C-alpha atoms as a PDB file:
ATOM      1  CA  MET A   1      74.697  12.092 -19.659  1.00  0.00           C
ATOM      2  CA  LYS A   2      72.008   9.870 -21.064  1.00  0.00           C
ATOM      3  CA  ILE A   3      70.772   6.841 -19.166  1.00  0.00           C
ATOM      4  CA  ALA A   4      69.887   3.853 -21.285  1.00  0.00           C
ATOM      5  CA  LEU A   5      66.812   1.892 -20.198  1.00  0.00           C
ATOM      6  CA  PRO A   6      66.219  -1.714 -21.103  1.00  0.00           C
ATOM      7  CA  LEU A   7      63.639  -2.393 -23.820  1.00  0.00           C
ATOM      8  CA  ALA A   8      61.393  -3.982 -21.210  1.00  0.00           C
ATOM      9  CA  ALA A   9      61.299  -0.699 -19.305  1.00  0.00           C
ATOM     10  CA  PHE A  10      60.145   1.170 -22.412  1.00  0.00           C
ATOM     11  CA  ALA A  11      57.388  -1.393 -22.848  1.00  0.00           C
ATOM     12  CA  LEU A  12      56.312  -0.930 -19.244  1.00  0.00           C
ATOM     13  CA  LEU A  13      56.216   2.853 -19.561  1.00  0.00           C
ATOM     14  CA  ALA A  14      54.262   2.650 -22.781  1.00  0.00           C
ATOM     15  CA  SER A  15      51.708   0.324 -21.295  1.00  0.00           C
ATOM     16  CA  GLY A  16      51.333   2.608 -18.264  1.00  0.00           C
ATOM     17  CA  CYS A  17      50.646   5.655 -20.405  1.00  0.00           C
ATOM     18  CA  GLN A  18      47.983   3.866 -22.411  1.00  0.00           C
ATOM     19  CA  HIS A  19      46.111   2.360 -19.424  1.00  0.00           C
ATOM     20  CA  SER A  20      42.431   3.421 -19.032  1.00  0.00           C
ATOM     21  CA  ILE A  21      39.613   2.453 -16.635  1.00  0.00           C
ATOM     22  CA  THR A  22      36.563   0.867 -18.241  1.00  0.00           C
ATOM     23  CA  PRO A  23      33.414   2.439 -16.746  1.00  0.00           C
ATOM     24  CA  SER A  24      31.059   0.000 -15.020  1.00  0.00           C
ATOM     25  CA  ALA A  25      27.576  -0.666 -16.386  1.00  0.00           C
ATOM     26  CA  PRO A  26      24.611   0.838 -14.517  1.00  0.00           C
ATOM     27  CA  PRO A  27      22.565  -1.500 -12.301  1.00  0.00           C
ATOM     28  CA  SER A  28      19.437  -3.177 -13.587  1.00  0.00           C
ATOM     29  CA  ALA A  29      16.054  -1.639 -12.757  1.00  0.00           C
ATOM     30  CA  PRO A  30      14.624  -2.904  -9.432  1.00  0.00           C
ATOM     31  CA  THR A  31      11.804  -5.456  -9.620  1.00  0.00           C
ATOM     32  CA  GLY A  32       8.973  -6.708  -7.433  1.00  0.00           C
ATOM     33  CA  LEU A  33       7.881  -3.309  -6.141  1.00  0.00           C
ATOM     34  CA  TYR A  34       4.689  -3.382  -4.072  1.00  0.00           C
ATOM     35  CA  THR A  35       3.007  -1.327  -1.375  1.00  0.00           C
ATOM     36  CA  SER A  36       1.207  -1.651   1.911  1.00  0.00           C
ATOM     37  CA  THR A  37      -1.068   1.257   2.704  1.00  0.00           C
ATOM     38  CA  GLY A  38      -1.962   2.665   6.072  1.00  0.00           C
ATOM     39  CA  ASP A  39      -3.377   5.704   7.810  1.00  0.00           C
ATOM     40  CA  ASN A  40      -1.456   8.670   6.312  1.00  0.00           C
ATOM     41  CA  PHE A  41       1.488   6.508   5.247  1.00  0.00           C
ATOM     42  CA  ILE A  42       2.508   4.026   2.536  1.00  0.00           C
ATOM     43  CA  GLU A  43       5.201   1.361   2.860  1.00  0.00           C
ATOM     44  CA  LEU A  44       7.164   0.277  -0.226  1.00  0.00           C
ATOM     45  CA  PHE A  45       8.927  -3.055  -0.662  1.00  0.00           C
ATOM     46  CA  TRP A  46      10.936  -4.447  -3.590  1.00  0.00           C
ATOM     47  CA  ASN A  47      13.500  -7.120  -4.449  1.00  0.00           C
ATOM     48  CA  ALA A  48      17.150  -6.461  -3.643  1.00  0.00           C
ATOM     49  CA  ASN A  49      19.179  -5.906  -6.818  1.00  0.00           C
ATOM     50  CA  PRO A  50      21.464  -8.808  -7.857  1.00  0.00           C
ATOM     51  CA  GLU A  51      24.539  -6.635  -8.469  1.00  0.00           C
ATOM     52  CA  SER A  52      27.245  -6.862  -5.779  1.00  0.00           C
ATOM     53  CA  ASN A  53      28.141  -3.148  -5.727  1.00  0.00           C
ATOM     54  CA  ILE A  54      24.690  -1.649  -5.018  1.00  0.00           C
ATOM     55  CA  ALA A  55      25.013   1.369  -2.728  1.00  0.00           C
ATOM     56  CA  GLY A  56      21.313   2.121  -2.352  1.00  0.00           C
ATOM     57  CA  TYR A  57      18.009   3.002  -3.972  1.00  0.00           C
ATOM     58  CA  ASN A  58      16.196   6.202  -4.910  1.00  0.00           C
ATOM     59  CA  VAL A  59      12.398   6.351  -4.515  1.00  0.00           C
ATOM     60  CA  PHE A  60      10.225   8.466  -6.820  1.00  0.00           C
ATOM     61  CA  SER A  61       6.554   9.429  -6.709  1.00  0.00           C
ATOM     62  CA  SER A  62       4.031  10.912  -9.128  1.00  0.00           C
ATOM     63  CA  SER A  63       0.327  11.694  -9.124  1.00  0.00           C
ATOM     64  CA  THR A  64      -0.093   9.923 -12.503  1.00  0.00           C
ATOM     65  CA  TYR A  65       1.518   6.859 -14.093  1.00  0.00           C
ATOM     66  CA  ASP A  66       3.095   8.747 -16.998  1.00  0.00           C
ATOM     67  CA  GLY A  67       3.640  11.963 -15.071  1.00  0.00           C
ATOM     68  CA  ARG A  68       6.713  13.655 -13.686  1.00  0.00           C
ATOM     69  CA  TYR A  69       8.342  11.455 -11.060  1.00  0.00           C
ATOM     70  CA  VAL A  70       9.947  13.383  -8.209  1.00  0.00           C
ATOM     71  CA  ARG A  71      12.517  11.818  -5.905  1.00  0.00           C
ATOM     72  CA  ILE A  72      11.057  11.673  -2.404  1.00  0.00           C
ATOM     73  CA  GLY A  73      13.886   9.857  -0.654  1.00  0.00           C
ATOM     74  CA  SER A  74      16.562   7.186  -0.656  1.00  0.00           C
ATOM     75  CA  SER A  75      17.191   3.935   1.144  1.00  0.00           C
ATOM     76  CA  ARG A  76      20.144   1.597   1.517  1.00  0.00           C
ATOM     77  CA  ASN A  77      17.763  -1.361   1.774  1.00  0.00           C
ATOM     78  CA  PRO A  78      14.815  -2.499  -0.401  1.00  0.00           C
ATOM     79  CA  TYR A  79      12.255  -0.768   1.813  1.00  0.00           C
ATOM     80  CA  TYR A  80      10.937   2.777   2.141  1.00  0.00           C
ATOM     81  CA  LEU A  81       8.279   4.414   4.328  1.00  0.00           C
ATOM     82  CA  ASP A  82       6.492   7.353   2.727  1.00  0.00           C
ATOM     83  CA  SER A  83       5.280   9.093   5.859  1.00  0.00           C
ATOM     84  CA  ASP A  84       4.270  12.199   3.892  1.00  0.00           C
ATOM     85  CA  ALA A  85       1.486  10.389   2.016  1.00  0.00           C
ATOM     86  CA  MET A  86      -1.933  11.846   2.795  1.00  0.00           C
ATOM     87  CA  ASN A  87      -5.204   9.973   3.189  1.00  0.00           C
ATOM     88  CA  GLY A  88      -7.386  10.094   0.083  1.00  0.00           C
ATOM     89  CA  SER A  89      -4.573  11.028  -2.348  1.00  0.00           C
ATOM     90  CA  LEU A  90      -3.371   8.727  -5.133  1.00  0.00           C
ATOM     91  CA  TYR A  91       0.371   8.051  -5.375  1.00  0.00           C
ATOM     92  CA  TYR A  92       2.332   6.234  -8.092  1.00  0.00           C
ATOM     93  CA  TYR A  93       5.789   4.958  -7.219  1.00  0.00           C
ATOM     94  CA  ALA A  94       8.983   3.889  -8.982  1.00  0.00           C
ATOM     95  CA  VAL A  95      12.442   2.978  -7.709  1.00  0.00           C
ATOM     96  CA  THR A  96      15.979   3.133  -9.134  1.00  0.00           C
ATOM     97  CA  ALA A  97      19.158   1.442  -7.896  1.00  0.00           C
ATOM     98  CA  TYR A  98      22.553   3.147  -7.801  1.00  0.00           C
ATOM     99  CA  ASP A  99      26.033   1.711  -7.267  1.00  0.00           C
ATOM    100  CA  PHE A 100      29.235   2.893  -5.594  1.00  0.00           C
ATOM    101  CA  ASP A 101      30.515   4.255  -8.928  1.00  0.00           C
ATOM    102  CA  GLY A 102      27.592   6.677  -9.162  1.00  0.00           C
ATOM    103  CA  ASN A 103      25.708   4.775 -11.870  1.00  0.00           C
ATOM    104  CA  GLU A 104      21.912   4.756 -11.598  1.00  0.00           C
ATOM    105  CA  SER A 105      19.469   2.266 -13.098  1.00  0.00           C
ATOM    106  CA  PRO A 106      16.331   3.060 -15.123  1.00  0.00           C
ATOM    107  CA  LEU A 107      13.048   3.419 -13.244  1.00  0.00           C
ATOM    108  CA  SER A 108      11.398   0.184 -12.141  1.00  0.00           C
ATOM    109  CA  LYS A 109       8.720  -1.098 -14.537  1.00  0.00           C
ATOM    110  CA  ASP A 110       6.192  -2.207 -11.918  1.00  0.00           C
ATOM    111  CA  VAL A 111       3.049  -0.071 -12.019  1.00  0.00           C
ATOM    112  CA  VAL A 112       2.549   0.567  -8.324  1.00  0.00           C
ATOM    113  CA  TYR A 113       0.013   2.931  -6.831  1.00  0.00           C
ATOM    114  CA  ASP A 114      -1.749   3.358  -3.534  1.00  0.00           C
ATOM    115  CA  ILE A 115      -4.221   5.555  -1.673  1.00  0.00           C
ATOM    116  CA  PRO A 116      -3.700   5.937   2.084  1.00  0.00           C
ATOM    117  CA  ARG A 117      -6.903   5.628   4.076  1.00  0.00           C
ATOM    118  CA  PRO A 118      -7.945   6.032   7.699  1.00  0.00           C
ATOM    119  CA  GLU A 119      -8.174   2.991   9.936  1.00  0.00           C
ATOM    120  CA  GLY A 120      -9.048   2.150  13.502  1.00  0.00           C
ATOM    121  CA  TYR A 121      -8.544  -0.673  15.976  1.00  0.00           C
ATOM    122  CA  ASN A 122     -10.436  -2.346  18.813  1.00  0.00           C
ATOM    123  CA  VAL A 123     -13.714  -0.547  18.216  1.00  0.00           C
ATOM    124  CA  VAL A 124     -16.566  -1.802  20.430  1.00  0.00           C
ATOM    125  CA  ILE A 125     -20.246  -1.570  19.525  1.00  0.00           C
ATOM    126  CA  ASN A 126     -23.177  -3.096  21.377  1.00  0.00           C
ATOM    127  CA  ASP A 127     -26.369  -4.957  20.565  1.00  0.00           C
ATOM    128  CA  TYR A 128     -28.907  -2.544  19.141  1.00  0.00           C
ATOM    129  CA  HIS A 129     -31.740  -4.243  21.087  1.00  0.00           C
ATOM    130  CA  VAL A 130     -30.060  -3.387  24.418  1.00  0.00           C
ATOM    131  CA  SER A 131     -27.914  -0.296  23.779  1.00  0.00           C
ATOM    132  CA  PRO A 132     -29.137   1.355  20.582  1.00  0.00           C
ATOM    133  CA  SER A 133     -27.122   4.556  21.076  1.00  0.00           C
ATOM    134  CA  THR A 134     -23.799   2.658  20.955  1.00  0.00           C
ATOM    135  CA  SER A 135     -24.673  -0.110  18.511  1.00  0.00           C
ATOM    136  CA  GLY A 136     -23.836   1.523  15.164  1.00  0.00           C
ATOM    137  CA  TYR A 137     -20.650   2.659  13.460  1.00  0.00           C
ATOM    138  CA  SER A 138     -20.001   5.411  10.931  1.00  0.00           C
ATOM    139  CA  PHE A 139     -16.833   4.917   8.859  1.00  0.00           C
ATOM    140  CA  ALA A 140     -17.021   8.458   7.487  1.00  0.00           C
ATOM    141  CA  SER A 141     -17.163   9.941  10.996  1.00  0.00           C
ATOM    142  CA  TYR A 142     -14.827   7.357  12.587  1.00  0.00           C
ATOM    143  CA  ALA A 143     -17.378   7.172  15.370  1.00  0.00           C
ATOM    144  CA  VAL A 144     -19.744   4.925  17.299  1.00  0.00           C
ATOM    145  CA  VAL A 145     -23.292   6.155  16.675  1.00  0.00           C
ATOM    146  CA  ASP A 146     -26.896   5.246  17.300  1.00  0.00           C
ATOM    147  CA  TYR A 147     -27.939   2.451  14.959  1.00  0.00           C
ATOM    148  CA  SER A 148     -30.846   4.587  13.702  1.00  0.00           C
ATOM    149  CA  SER A 149     -28.626   7.537  12.769  1.00  0.00           C
ATOM    150  CA  SER A 150     -28.485   8.574   9.124  1.00  0.00           C
ATOM    151  CA  ALA A 151     -24.678   8.311   9.437  1.00  0.00           C
ATOM    152  CA  THR A 152     -24.753   4.623  10.416  1.00  0.00           C
ATOM    153  CA  ASP A 153     -23.024   2.194   8.056  1.00  0.00           C
ATOM    154  CA  ILE A 154     -23.165  -1.000  10.160  1.00  0.00           C
ATOM    155  CA  TYR A 155     -24.816  -2.030  13.428  1.00  0.00           C
ATOM    156  CA  PHE A 156     -24.608  -5.091  15.677  1.00  0.00           C
ATOM    157  CA  ASP A 157     -27.523  -7.477  16.164  1.00  0.00           C
ATOM    158  CA  ASP A 158     -27.470 -10.174  18.867  1.00  0.00           C
ATOM    159  CA  ASP A 159     -30.491 -12.184  17.774  1.00  0.00           C
ATOM    160  CA  ASN A 160     -30.988 -14.548  20.725  1.00  0.00           C
ATOM    161  CA  GLY A 161     -27.363 -15.714  20.599  1.00  0.00           C
ATOM    162  CA  ALA A 162     -27.009 -15.575  16.811  1.00  0.00           C
ATOM    163  CA  PHE A 163     -24.667 -12.679  16.015  1.00  0.00           C
ATOM    164  CA  TYR A 164     -25.081 -10.504  12.914  1.00  0.00           C
ATOM    165  CA  MET A 165     -23.676  -7.292  11.503  1.00  0.00           C
ATOM    166  CA  ASP A 166     -26.553  -5.521   9.776  1.00  0.00           C
ATOM    167  CA  VAL A 167     -26.665  -2.796   7.141  1.00  0.00           C
ATOM    168  CA  PHE A 168     -29.626  -0.887   5.748  1.00  0.00           C
ATOM    169  CA  ASN A 169     -31.138  -1.711   2.374  1.00  0.00           C
ATOM    170  CA  ASP A 170     -29.165   1.043   0.626  1.00  0.00           C
ATOM    171  CA  THR A 171     -25.852  -0.430   1.867  1.00  0.00           C
ATOM    172  CA  GLN A 172     -24.057  -3.662   0.924  1.00  0.00           C
ATOM    173  CA  ILE A 173     -22.041  -6.115   3.022  1.00  0.00           C
ATOM    174  CA  GLN A 174     -20.058  -9.257   2.275  1.00  0.00           C
ATOM    175  CA  ASP A 175     -18.158 -11.774   4.427  1.00  0.00           C
ATOM    176  CA  MET A 176     -14.688 -12.223   2.865  1.00  0.00           C
ATOM    177  CA  GLY A 177     -13.890 -15.203   5.090  1.00  0.00           C
ATOM    178  CA  PRO A 178     -11.080 -15.856   7.574  1.00  0.00           C
ATOM    179  CA  THR A 179      -8.010 -13.589   7.467  1.00  0.00           C
ATOM    180  CA  ASN A 180      -4.855 -13.227   9.520  1.00  0.00           C
ATOM    181  CA  SER A 181      -5.084  -9.445   9.396  1.00  0.00           C
ATOM    182  CA  ILE A 182      -7.358  -6.716   8.119  1.00  0.00           C
ATOM    183  CA  LEU A 183      -4.606  -6.002   5.565  1.00  0.00           C
ATOM    184  CA  ASP A 184      -5.213  -9.368   3.880  1.00  0.00           C
ATOM    185  CA  VAL A 185      -8.183  -7.982   1.916  1.00  0.00           C
ATOM    186  CA  ASN A 186      -6.700  -5.805  -0.828  1.00  0.00           C
ATOM    187  CA  THR A 187      -9.689  -4.684  -2.872  1.00  0.00           C
ATOM    188  CA  ALA A 188     -13.438  -4.644  -2.552  1.00  0.00           C
ATOM    189  CA  PRO A 189     -15.446  -7.232  -4.529  1.00  0.00           C
ATOM    190  CA  SER A 190     -17.689  -6.246  -7.424  1.00  0.00           C
ATOM    191  CA  GLU A 191     -20.375  -8.827  -6.635  1.00  0.00           C
ATOM    192  CA  GLY A 192     -21.426 -11.400  -4.059  1.00  0.00           C
ATOM    193  CA  TRP A 193     -23.125  -9.001  -1.663  1.00  0.00           C
ATOM    194  CA  SER A 194     -25.475 -10.372   0.974  1.00  0.00           C
ATOM    195  CA  PRO A 195     -29.059 -10.397  -0.377  1.00  0.00           C
ATOM    196  CA  THR A 196     -30.383 -10.025   3.185  1.00  0.00           C
ATOM    197  CA  HIS A 197     -28.112  -7.024   3.989  1.00  0.00           C
ATOM    198  CA  ASP A 198     -26.524  -8.741   6.964  1.00  0.00           C
ATOM    199  CA  ALA A 199     -23.658 -11.142   7.685  1.00  0.00           C
ATOM    200  CA  GLY A 200     -23.047 -13.619  10.465  1.00  0.00           C
ATOM    201  CA  VAL A 201     -20.320 -12.341  12.806  1.00  0.00           C
ATOM    202  CA  THR A 202     -17.333 -14.692  13.128  1.00  0.00           C
ATOM    203  CA  PRO A 203     -14.094 -13.791  14.921  1.00  0.00           C
ATOM    204  CA  GLY A 204     -11.167 -13.708  12.512  1.00  0.00           C
ATOM    205  CA  HIS A 205     -13.331 -12.899   9.476  1.00  0.00           C
ATOM    206  CA  THR A 206     -12.985  -9.712   7.438  1.00  0.00           C
ATOM    207  CA  TYR A 207     -16.044  -8.044   5.901  1.00  0.00           C
ATOM    208  CA  VAL A 208     -16.362  -5.455   3.126  1.00  0.00           C
ATOM    209  CA  VAL A 209     -19.051  -2.761   3.102  1.00  0.00           C
ATOM    210  CA  LEU A 210     -20.247  -0.528   0.251  1.00  0.00           C
ATOM    211  CA  THR A 211     -21.829   2.508   1.873  1.00  0.00           C
ATOM    212  CA  VAL A 212     -24.854   4.459   0.678  1.00  0.00           C
ATOM    213  CA  ASP A 213     -22.622   7.276  -0.615  1.00  0.00           C
ATOM    214  CA  ASN A 214     -20.424   4.892  -2.672  1.00  0.00           C
ATOM    215  CA  HIS A 215     -17.439   4.436  -0.373  1.00  0.00           C
ATOM    216  CA  TYR A 216     -15.853   1.081   0.407  1.00  0.00           C
ATOM    217  CA  ALA A 217     -14.838   0.026   3.899  1.00  0.00           C
ATOM    218  CA  LYS A 218     -13.712  -3.153   5.587  1.00  0.00           C
ATOM    219  CA  PHE A 219     -13.685  -4.436   9.138  1.00  0.00           C
ATOM    220  CA  ARG A 220     -12.222  -7.509  10.809  1.00  0.00           C
ATOM    221  CA  VAL A 221     -13.896  -8.986  13.883  1.00  0.00           C
ATOM    222  CA  SER A 222     -11.475  -9.761  16.700  1.00  0.00           C
ATOM    223  CA  SER A 223     -14.038 -10.945  19.249  1.00  0.00           C
ATOM    224  CA  VAL A 224     -17.775 -11.269  19.794  1.00  0.00           C
ATOM    225  CA  SER A 225     -19.842 -11.985  22.873  1.00  0.00           C
ATOM    226  CA  PRO A 226     -23.447 -11.476  23.957  1.00  0.00           C
ATOM    227  CA  ASN A 227     -24.389  -7.826  23.479  1.00  0.00           C
ATOM    228  CA  ARG A 228     -21.065  -6.629  21.957  1.00  0.00           C
ATOM    229  CA  VAL A 229     -18.538  -7.041  19.139  1.00  0.00           C
ATOM    230  CA  VAL A 230     -14.946  -5.791  18.780  1.00  0.00           C
ATOM    231  CA  PHE A 231     -13.401  -5.051  15.367  1.00  0.00           C
ATOM    232  CA  ASP A 232     -10.685  -3.234  13.399  1.00  0.00           C
ATOM    233  CA  TRP A 233     -11.601  -1.185  10.331  1.00  0.00           C
ATOM    234  CA  ALA A 234     -10.320   0.745   7.300  1.00  0.00           C
ATOM    235  CA  TYR A 235     -12.198   3.200   5.071  1.00  0.00           C
ATOM    236  CA  GLN A 236     -11.493   4.384   1.524  1.00  0.00           C
ATOM    237  CA  LEU A 237     -11.963   8.145   1.256  1.00  0.00           C
ATOM    238  CA  VAL A 238     -12.020   8.200  -2.556  1.00  0.00           C
ATOM    239  CA  THR A 239     -15.566   7.794  -3.837  1.00  0.00           C
ATOM    240  CA  GLY A 240     -16.046   4.597  -5.807  1.00  0.00           C
ATOM    241  CA  SER A 241     -12.470   3.359  -5.384  1.00  0.00           C
ATOM    242  CA  PRO A 242     -12.334  -0.327  -4.378  1.00  0.00           C
ATOM    243  CA  LEU A 243      -8.684  -0.017  -3.289  1.00  0.00           C
ATOM    244  CA  LEU A 244      -8.415  -1.050   0.331  1.00  0.00           C
ATOM    245  CA  LYS A 245      -4.786  -2.157   0.205  1.00  0.00           C
ATOM    246  CA  PRO A 246      -3.646  -2.390  -3.435  1.00  0.00           C
ATOM    247  CA  GLY A 247      -0.508  -4.188  -4.538  1.00  0.00           C
ATOM    248  CA  ALA A 248       1.658  -3.996  -7.620  1.00  0.00           C
ATOM    249  CA  THR A 249       0.663  -4.803 -11.156  1.00  0.00           C
ATOM    250  CA  THR A 250       3.199  -4.992 -13.960  1.00  0.00           C
ATOM    251  CA  ARG A 251       3.059  -3.339 -17.349  1.00  0.00           C
ATOM    252  CA  GLN A 252       5.895  -4.000 -19.777  1.00  0.00           C
ATOM    253  CA  GLY A 253       7.565  -1.093 -21.506  1.00  0.00           C
ATOM    254  CA  ARG A 254       7.174   1.812 -19.118  1.00  0.00           C
ATOM    255  CA  ASN A 255       7.271   5.050 -21.052  1.00  0.00           C
ATOM    256  CA  ALA A 256      10.102   7.306 -20.085  1.00  0.00           C
ATOM    257  CA  PRO A 257       8.494   9.898 -17.803  1.00  0.00           C
ATOM    258  CA  SER A 258      10.287  13.041 -16.825  1.00  0.00           C
ATOM    259  CA  VAL A 259      12.212  12.594 -13.602  1.00  0.00           C
ATOM    260  CA  ALA A 260      13.223  15.250 -11.098  1.00  0.00           C
ATOM    261  CA  ARG A 261      16.300  14.108  -9.198  1.00  0.00           C
ATOM    262  CA  ILE A 262      15.845  16.692  -6.450  1.00  0.00           C
ATOM    263  CA  ARG A 263      12.757  16.753  -4.325  1.00  0.00           C
END
């Protein structure tokens, strides 16, 4: 026995058979990527994607801008800590966004690179007139040294109540002015060095040093008193590199580098 269906039912069945799901578009590439470097680590920050169905972000690294980018991790938020970065090594970074449908964006176009470098905090050195053996500092050795040592990069001079940080004639120093943190000075200057190879010591100021062996360093004075000064410091291990805490620069039209999805 045949069962007759209304015409409307046939139309409903036909429409159900022909139904298809339109795939969603991939997210846009993340923007605003920048870094903050530290001692054997690099932090990455970027803008949250505008799409409402973003599930997370993949982070990629390479040793060259146009090289092979390898995925080093993922994050649900626009932040990533690369704790495997090693002092003195150059790292390029890019980020993609992916949604809940499994779509992934192109690599970010920001050209972001960084070089982790050693740093130290609350170092105390004394006036070289009174305590010469503890008045100098060597950035390369991360150590307080005698001001007359061949390893000395800076030494403290309390000149009758006028406080100076001195360097030898083969070393350069420059006062970069008041800063909220030692991280506020991103790169070393190319000019403006002190012609007298010294700088007045002011709490809250950050100073940049170019050492005799062509390494850049910076230190920020936290306090000064008769016969002693306290400071934080950072030192660039790569010879000639002025990068002390580089940020992002943008280049339009990133070439399509090879990407390894698995670390």
